[in-house]
N, C-alpha and C. Protein backbone atom coordinates (compact mmCIF):
# COMPACT_ATOMS: atom_id res chain seq x y z
N MET A 1 135.23 213.35 96.90
CA MET A 1 136.36 213.45 96.00
C MET A 1 136.05 214.52 94.97
N ASN A 2 137.08 215.23 94.60
CA ASN A 2 137.00 216.26 93.61
C ASN A 2 136.64 215.66 92.22
N CYS A 3 135.64 216.30 91.54
CA CYS A 3 135.20 215.74 90.26
C CYS A 3 136.35 215.81 89.21
N GLN A 4 137.19 216.82 89.33
CA GLN A 4 138.35 216.90 88.41
C GLN A 4 139.25 215.70 88.54
N LEU A 5 139.54 215.35 89.78
CA LEU A 5 140.41 214.18 90.05
C LEU A 5 139.75 212.94 89.50
N LYS A 6 138.48 212.75 89.71
CA LYS A 6 137.75 211.57 89.27
C LYS A 6 137.76 211.46 87.74
N ARG A 7 137.47 212.54 87.05
CA ARG A 7 137.46 212.52 85.56
C ARG A 7 138.83 212.15 85.02
N ILE A 8 139.89 212.72 85.58
CA ILE A 8 141.21 212.44 85.06
C ILE A 8 141.60 211.00 85.38
N MET A 9 141.38 210.54 86.54
CA MET A 9 141.75 209.14 86.91
C MET A 9 140.97 208.12 86.10
N GLU A 10 139.74 208.37 85.75
CA GLU A 10 138.97 207.44 84.89
C GLU A 10 139.55 207.31 83.49
N CYS A 11 140.34 208.30 83.06
CA CYS A 11 140.91 208.26 81.71
C CYS A 11 142.25 207.54 81.65
N ILE A 12 142.89 207.32 82.79
CA ILE A 12 144.22 206.70 82.82
C ILE A 12 144.08 205.19 82.86
N GLU A 13 144.65 204.57 81.83
CA GLU A 13 144.58 203.12 81.76
C GLU A 13 145.84 202.44 82.19
N GLY A 14 146.96 203.17 82.16
CA GLY A 14 148.24 202.57 82.59
C GLY A 14 148.55 202.76 84.05
N SER A 15 149.78 202.48 84.42
CA SER A 15 150.24 202.59 85.80
C SER A 15 150.19 204.03 86.30
N VAL A 16 149.77 204.17 87.56
CA VAL A 16 149.68 205.47 88.17
C VAL A 16 150.39 205.45 89.53
N VAL A 17 151.16 206.50 89.77
CA VAL A 17 151.81 206.63 91.07
C VAL A 17 151.09 207.77 91.75
N CYS A 18 150.62 207.55 92.97
CA CYS A 18 149.93 208.62 93.74
C CYS A 18 150.83 209.03 94.86
N VAL A 19 151.04 210.37 94.98
CA VAL A 19 151.84 210.94 96.06
C VAL A 19 150.84 211.63 96.98
N LEU A 20 150.79 211.16 98.23
CA LEU A 20 149.90 211.72 99.24
C LEU A 20 150.68 211.81 100.54
N ASP A 21 150.86 213.05 101.04
CA ASP A 21 151.60 213.26 102.27
C ASP A 21 153.02 212.71 102.14
N SER A 22 153.65 212.96 101.01
CA SER A 22 155.02 212.50 100.69
C SER A 22 155.18 211.02 100.58
N GLN A 23 154.10 210.22 100.60
CA GLN A 23 154.20 208.80 100.42
C GLN A 23 153.71 208.44 99.02
N ARG A 24 154.51 207.60 98.37
CA ARG A 24 154.21 207.18 97.00
C ARG A 24 153.58 205.78 97.00
N SER A 25 152.48 205.62 96.26
CA SER A 25 151.87 204.33 96.08
C SER A 25 151.60 204.11 94.63
N GLU A 26 151.81 202.88 94.15
CA GLU A 26 151.60 202.62 92.72
C GLU A 26 150.33 201.78 92.54
N TYR A 27 149.63 202.12 91.47
CA TYR A 27 148.37 201.40 91.13
C TYR A 27 148.44 201.01 89.65
N GLN A 28 147.67 200.00 89.27
CA GLN A 28 147.65 199.52 87.90
C GLN A 28 146.87 200.44 86.97
N SER A 29 145.97 201.23 87.52
CA SER A 29 145.16 202.13 86.67
C SER A 29 144.61 203.25 87.55
N GLY A 30 144.09 204.27 86.90
CA GLY A 30 143.46 205.38 87.61
C GLY A 30 142.23 204.94 88.40
N SER A 31 141.51 203.98 87.79
CA SER A 31 140.30 203.47 88.49
C SER A 31 140.68 202.76 89.77
N GLU A 32 141.80 202.00 89.74
CA GLU A 32 142.28 201.32 90.97
C GLU A 32 142.65 202.35 92.04
N LEU A 33 143.28 203.45 91.63
CA LEU A 33 143.63 204.51 92.56
C LEU A 33 142.38 205.12 93.17
N LEU A 34 141.36 205.42 92.36
CA LEU A 34 140.12 205.99 92.85
C LEU A 34 139.48 205.06 93.90
N ALA A 35 139.49 203.75 93.65
CA ALA A 35 138.87 202.81 94.53
C ALA A 35 139.59 202.82 95.91
N SER A 36 140.87 203.19 95.94
CA SER A 36 141.59 203.14 97.19
C SER A 36 141.47 204.43 98.01
N LEU A 37 141.08 205.49 97.37
CA LEU A 37 140.97 206.77 98.10
C LEU A 37 139.67 206.88 98.89
N GLU A 38 139.76 207.16 100.16
CA GLU A 38 138.58 207.35 101.01
C GLU A 38 138.60 208.80 101.48
N GLY A 39 137.56 209.53 101.33
CA GLY A 39 137.48 210.93 101.72
C GLY A 39 137.56 211.82 100.49
N LYS A 40 137.75 213.13 100.75
CA LYS A 40 137.77 214.11 99.67
C LYS A 40 139.23 214.54 99.46
N TYR A 41 139.66 214.48 98.18
CA TYR A 41 141.04 214.86 97.83
C TYR A 41 140.99 215.80 96.66
N VAL A 42 142.06 216.59 96.56
CA VAL A 42 142.20 217.58 95.50
C VAL A 42 143.46 217.24 94.73
N LEU A 43 143.38 217.27 93.43
CA LEU A 43 144.55 217.04 92.58
C LEU A 43 145.41 218.31 92.62
N THR A 44 146.72 218.14 92.92
CA THR A 44 147.62 219.34 92.96
C THR A 44 148.63 219.35 91.86
N SER A 45 148.99 218.16 91.28
CA SER A 45 149.89 218.16 90.16
C SER A 45 149.80 216.81 89.43
N ILE A 46 150.23 216.86 88.15
CA ILE A 46 150.29 215.67 87.31
C ILE A 46 151.63 215.71 86.59
N ALA A 47 152.31 214.58 86.52
CA ALA A 47 153.58 214.49 85.85
C ALA A 47 153.75 213.12 85.22
N ALA A 48 154.79 212.96 84.42
CA ALA A 48 155.12 211.63 83.86
C ALA A 48 156.52 211.29 84.38
N GLU A 49 156.66 210.00 84.72
CA GLU A 49 157.96 209.53 85.27
C GLU A 49 158.12 208.07 84.93
N ASP A 50 159.14 207.68 84.20
CA ASP A 50 159.36 206.26 83.88
C ASP A 50 158.14 205.59 83.28
N SER A 51 157.49 206.23 82.30
CA SER A 51 156.28 205.65 81.64
C SER A 51 155.10 205.48 82.55
N LYS A 52 155.07 206.23 83.64
CA LYS A 52 153.93 206.18 84.56
C LYS A 52 153.40 207.59 84.77
N VAL A 53 152.12 207.71 85.05
CA VAL A 53 151.54 208.98 85.40
C VAL A 53 151.70 209.16 86.92
N VAL A 54 152.21 210.29 87.31
CA VAL A 54 152.40 210.59 88.73
C VAL A 54 151.44 211.74 89.08
N VAL A 55 150.57 211.44 90.04
CA VAL A 55 149.62 212.46 90.46
C VAL A 55 149.89 212.74 91.96
N THR A 56 149.85 214.01 92.31
CA THR A 56 150.00 214.41 93.67
C THR A 56 148.66 214.92 94.13
N VAL A 57 148.17 214.38 95.24
CA VAL A 57 146.85 214.79 95.79
C VAL A 57 147.04 215.24 97.24
N LYS A 58 146.10 216.03 97.71
CA LYS A 58 146.08 216.44 99.11
C LYS A 58 144.66 216.36 99.61
N LEU A 59 144.50 216.22 100.91
CA LEU A 59 143.17 216.20 101.50
C LEU A 59 142.52 217.49 101.23
N ASP A 60 141.24 217.45 100.83
CA ASP A 60 140.41 218.66 100.58
C ASP A 60 139.96 219.24 101.90
N THR A 61 140.48 220.39 102.25
CA THR A 61 140.15 221.03 103.53
C THR A 61 139.14 222.15 103.34
N THR A 62 138.51 222.21 102.21
CA THR A 62 137.50 223.23 101.95
C THR A 62 136.35 223.11 102.91
N ILE A 63 135.96 224.22 103.53
CA ILE A 63 134.86 224.20 104.46
C ILE A 63 133.64 224.71 103.74
N PRO A 64 132.59 223.94 103.63
CA PRO A 64 131.39 224.40 102.90
C PRO A 64 130.79 225.63 103.60
N ASN A 65 130.03 226.40 102.84
CA ASN A 65 129.38 227.54 103.41
C ASN A 65 128.37 227.10 104.45
N ASP A 66 128.31 227.90 105.48
CA ASP A 66 127.34 227.62 106.57
C ASP A 66 126.01 228.27 106.20
N LEU A 67 125.03 227.50 105.80
CA LEU A 67 123.74 228.00 105.39
C LEU A 67 122.90 228.46 106.60
N ASN A 68 123.43 228.25 107.84
CA ASN A 68 122.74 228.74 108.98
C ASN A 68 123.30 230.02 109.53
N ALA A 69 124.25 230.60 108.77
CA ALA A 69 124.88 231.89 109.19
C ALA A 69 123.84 233.01 109.09
N ASP A 70 124.06 234.03 109.90
CA ASP A 70 123.14 235.16 109.96
C ASP A 70 122.96 235.82 108.60
N TRP A 71 124.05 235.98 107.81
CA TRP A 71 123.95 236.68 106.54
C TRP A 71 123.09 235.85 105.59
N VAL A 72 123.11 234.53 105.70
CA VAL A 72 122.27 233.72 104.83
C VAL A 72 120.78 233.86 105.21
N LYS A 73 120.52 233.88 106.48
CA LYS A 73 119.17 234.08 106.94
C LYS A 73 118.62 235.42 106.48
N GLU A 74 119.46 236.43 106.56
CA GLU A 74 119.00 237.80 106.09
C GLU A 74 118.75 237.76 104.60
N HIS A 75 119.61 237.06 103.84
CA HIS A 75 119.43 236.96 102.40
C HIS A 75 118.09 236.27 102.07
N VAL A 76 117.80 235.18 102.78
CA VAL A 76 116.54 234.44 102.55
C VAL A 76 115.37 235.32 102.89
N ALA A 77 115.45 236.07 103.98
CA ALA A 77 114.36 236.95 104.35
C ALA A 77 114.11 238.04 103.32
N GLN A 78 115.20 238.55 102.74
CA GLN A 78 115.11 239.66 101.80
C GLN A 78 114.70 239.16 100.38
N TYR A 79 115.25 238.03 99.94
CA TYR A 79 115.04 237.58 98.55
C TYR A 79 114.14 236.35 98.43
N GLY A 80 113.85 235.70 99.53
CA GLY A 80 112.97 234.53 99.49
C GLY A 80 113.64 233.26 99.05
N LYS A 81 114.93 233.22 98.92
CA LYS A 81 115.64 231.99 98.54
C LYS A 81 117.09 232.08 99.08
N GLU A 82 117.73 230.87 99.11
CA GLU A 82 119.11 230.81 99.53
C GLU A 82 120.00 231.42 98.47
N PRO A 83 121.15 231.96 98.91
CA PRO A 83 122.06 232.55 97.96
C PRO A 83 122.65 231.51 96.95
N GLU A 84 122.89 231.95 95.74
CA GLU A 84 123.49 231.07 94.74
C GLU A 84 124.98 231.40 94.70
N PHE A 85 125.81 230.37 94.78
CA PHE A 85 127.25 230.58 94.84
C PHE A 85 127.92 230.48 93.50
N PHE A 86 127.20 229.96 92.47
CA PHE A 86 127.81 229.94 91.16
C PHE A 86 126.77 230.32 90.15
């Protein structure tokens, strides 16, 4: 799960509506929503509607870097360490 989504949901104490794949589900709190999500999700929008927080999430389809790629091996051979991405 995206750390941004987790931090925001932990702060919400009231009702939360989660929109995922055009389906809306309501939860008593952000923590309850977090407990129901399995897998990695990315927060795409936040809104307020009828005194509730409405969050839209989507499945995180980010592909991690392949540390076995040829360019990584060349980098390790040249610099003695794996590349730093941040």
